[in-house]
Each structure stands twice: as structure tokens, then as C-alpha cells.
Amino acid sequence: MLGPVFFMLYVFFVFFVLINMFLAIINDTYSEVKGDLEGQPNEFEMGDYFKKVAESFIVISDRLLNN
């Protein structure tokens, strides 16, 4: 009667140890990737994108008006 209780406690304990190890690996990798991305410039800033689009419209409209 006591054997199944100890077995279930063992399974429960091992399960949480393995989940903890998995989450530690995921958290460490996430922190490493986040740190790597912070050093890189963001190439897709919304302000830069809208500025380039507005400048291209101005250039196109100037060409059309001058012709």
C-alpha cells in the first residue's frame, strides 16, 4: 500500500524537476537572443518607413509636375 504512494510522489517530484530544467533552458536561451537583438539596429522602424514613403511620393509628384 505504501509503495504506490512513494512511486507517485517520485513521479510527481521528477516531473517538476524536468519541467524546471526545461523552463531554465528556455529562459536562458530567450535572454541570450534578446541580448543579441538589442545590439542590432532596428531596420523596420515605422517612422523611417513612412519617411521613405513620403519622400518617394514627393519625388514622384515633382517629376510629374515638371514634365
Protein backbone atom coordinates (compact mmCIF):
# COMPACT_ATOMS: atom_id res chain seq x y z
CA MET A 1 0.00 0.00 0.00
CA LEU A 2 2.86 2.38 0.73
CA GLY A 3 4.76 1.51 -2.48
CA PRO A 4 2.32 3.15 -4.92
CA VAL A 5 2.24 6.32 -2.81
CA PHE A 6 6.04 6.60 -2.88
CA PHE A 7 6.06 5.89 -6.61
CA MET A 8 3.51 8.62 -7.31
CA LEU A 9 5.46 11.08 -5.16
CA TYR A 10 8.63 10.14 -7.05
CA VAL A 11 6.93 10.64 -10.43
CA PHE A 12 5.49 13.95 -9.25
CA PHE A 13 8.89 15.16 -8.00
CA VAL A 14 10.76 14.09 -11.15
CA PHE A 15 8.12 15.72 -13.35
CA PHE A 16 8.58 19.09 -11.66
CA VAL A 17 12.38 18.81 -11.75
CA LEU A 18 12.28 18.13 -15.51
CA ILE A 19 9.81 20.96 -16.12
CA ASN A 20 12.05 23.29 -14.11
CA MET A 21 15.10 22.28 -16.20
CA PHE A 22 13.17 22.80 -19.45
CA LEU A 23 11.99 26.26 -18.38
CA ALA A 24 15.50 27.21 -17.27
CA ILE A 25 16.87 26.29 -20.72
CA ILE A 26 14.11 28.23 -22.48
CA ASN A 27 14.61 31.26 -20.23
CA ASP A 28 18.39 31.26 -20.72
CA THR A 29 18.06 31.00 -24.50
CA TYR A 30 15.42 33.75 -24.57
CA SER A 31 17.67 36.07 -22.55
CA GLU A 32 20.62 35.37 -24.83
CA VAL A 33 18.65 36.05 -28.02
CA LYS A 34 17.07 39.17 -26.54
CA GLY A 35 20.51 40.47 -25.62
CA ASP A 36 21.81 39.79 -29.12
CA LEU A 37 18.90 41.64 -30.70
CA GLU A 38 19.31 44.72 -28.50
CA GLY A 39 22.73 45.42 -30.03
CA GLN A 40 21.41 45.40 -33.57
CA PRO A 41 19.72 48.40 -35.16
CA ASN A 42 16.07 48.01 -35.92
CA GLU A 43 15.75 48.09 -39.69
CA PHE A 44 11.98 48.28 -39.74
CA GLU A 45 11.14 51.38 -37.75
CA MET A 46 7.72 52.71 -38.63
CA GLY A 47 8.87 56.34 -38.68
CA ASP A 48 11.68 55.61 -41.12
CA TYR A 49 9.31 53.65 -43.33
CA PHE A 50 6.74 56.45 -43.50
CA LYS A 51 9.51 59.00 -44.11
CA LYS A 52 10.83 57.00 -47.07
CA VAL A 53 7.31 56.59 -48.49
CA ALA A 54 6.60 60.31 -48.13
CA GLU A 55 9.91 61.22 -49.78
CA SER A 56 9.21 58.86 -52.67
CA PHE A 57 5.76 60.43 -53.18
CA ILE A 58 7.34 63.90 -53.20
CA VAL A 59 9.93 62.82 -55.76
CA ILE A 60 7.28 61.20 -57.96
CA SER A 61 4.98 64.23 -57.75
CA ASP A 62 7.87 66.60 -58.59
CA ARG A 63 8.72 64.52 -61.64
CA LEU A 64 5.12 64.52 -62.80
CA LEU A 65 4.72 68.28 -62.31
CA ASN A 66 7.97 69.11 -64.10
CA ASN A 67 7.07 67.06 -67.20
